[in-house]
Protein backbone atom coordinates (compact mmCIF):
# COMPACT_ATOMS: atom_id res chain seq x y z
CA UNK A 1 42.62 -16.80 -20.74
CA UNK A 2 45.93 -18.55 -21.12
CA UNK A 3 47.92 -15.31 -20.91
CA UNK A 4 46.65 -14.54 -17.39
CA UNK A 5 47.68 -16.24 -14.19
CA UNK A 6 45.27 -18.33 -12.17
CA UNK A 7 45.14 -15.69 -9.41
CA UNK A 8 44.25 -12.82 -11.72
CA UNK A 9 41.11 -11.25 -10.33
CA UNK A 10 40.94 -8.00 -12.28
CA UNK A 11 37.50 -8.92 -13.62
CA UNK A 12 36.22 -9.39 -10.08
CA UNK A 13 37.75 -6.11 -8.96
CA UNK A 14 36.18 -4.28 -11.89
CA UNK A 15 32.80 -5.79 -11.09
CA UNK A 16 33.18 -4.76 -7.44
CA UNK A 17 34.03 -1.19 -8.48
CA UNK A 18 30.97 -1.06 -10.76
CA UNK A 19 28.77 -2.41 -7.97
CA UNK A 20 30.12 0.18 -5.52
CA UNK A 21 29.52 2.95 -8.03
CA UNK A 22 25.95 1.75 -8.65
CA UNK A 23 25.31 1.51 -4.92
CA UNK A 24 26.53 5.08 -4.37
CA UNK A 25 24.28 6.36 -7.16
CA UNK A 26 21.34 4.42 -5.75
CA UNK A 27 21.82 5.77 -2.24
CA UNK A 28 22.22 9.29 -3.64
CA UNK A 29 18.91 8.92 -5.49
CA UNK A 30 17.19 7.59 -2.36
CA UNK A 31 18.56 10.48 -0.30
CA UNK A 32 17.47 13.02 -2.92
CA UNK A 33 13.93 11.69 -3.14
CA UNK A 34 13.65 11.47 0.65
CA UNK A 35 14.87 15.04 1.02
CA UNK A 36 12.45 16.30 -1.61
CA UNK A 37 9.54 14.50 0.05
CA UNK A 38 10.58 15.92 3.43
CA UNK A 39 10.64 19.45 2.03
CA UNK A 40 7.26 18.94 0.40
CA UNK A 41 5.83 17.64 3.68
CA UNK A 42 7.14 20.66 5.59
CA UNK A 43 5.78 23.04 2.94
CA UNK A 44 2.39 21.32 3.09
CA UNK A 45 2.32 21.62 6.88
CA UNK A 46 3.13 25.33 6.65
CA UNK A 47 0.36 25.90 4.10
CA UNK A 48 -2.08 23.95 6.27
CA UNK A 49 -1.13 25.99 9.35
CA UNK A 50 -1.59 29.22 7.42
CA UNK A 51 -5.00 28.04 6.22
CA UNK A 52 -6.03 27.24 9.81
CA UNK A 53 -4.88 30.67 11.00
CA UNK A 54 -6.75 32.34 8.14
CA UNK A 55 -9.94 30.41 8.96
CA UNK A 56 -9.64 31.35 12.64
CA UNK A 57 -9.13 34.97 11.63
CA UNK A 58 -12.33 34.87 9.55
CA UNK A 59 -14.33 33.19 12.31
CA UNK A 60 -13.15 35.57 15.03
CA UNK A 61 -13.56 38.59 12.78
């Protein structure tokens, strides 16, 4: 501690870089999960629509 000046803030800068890196990874994970859930929701809606069309086809036929 005595070999550094009183205005040395390299520890704070390193902590800020680590926090930024963690925030980027966190937002990337959130975006990935949200995208996967969105794709699953769209796929489920398509399957449901196909099931409705198939049921109508059976009823009309």
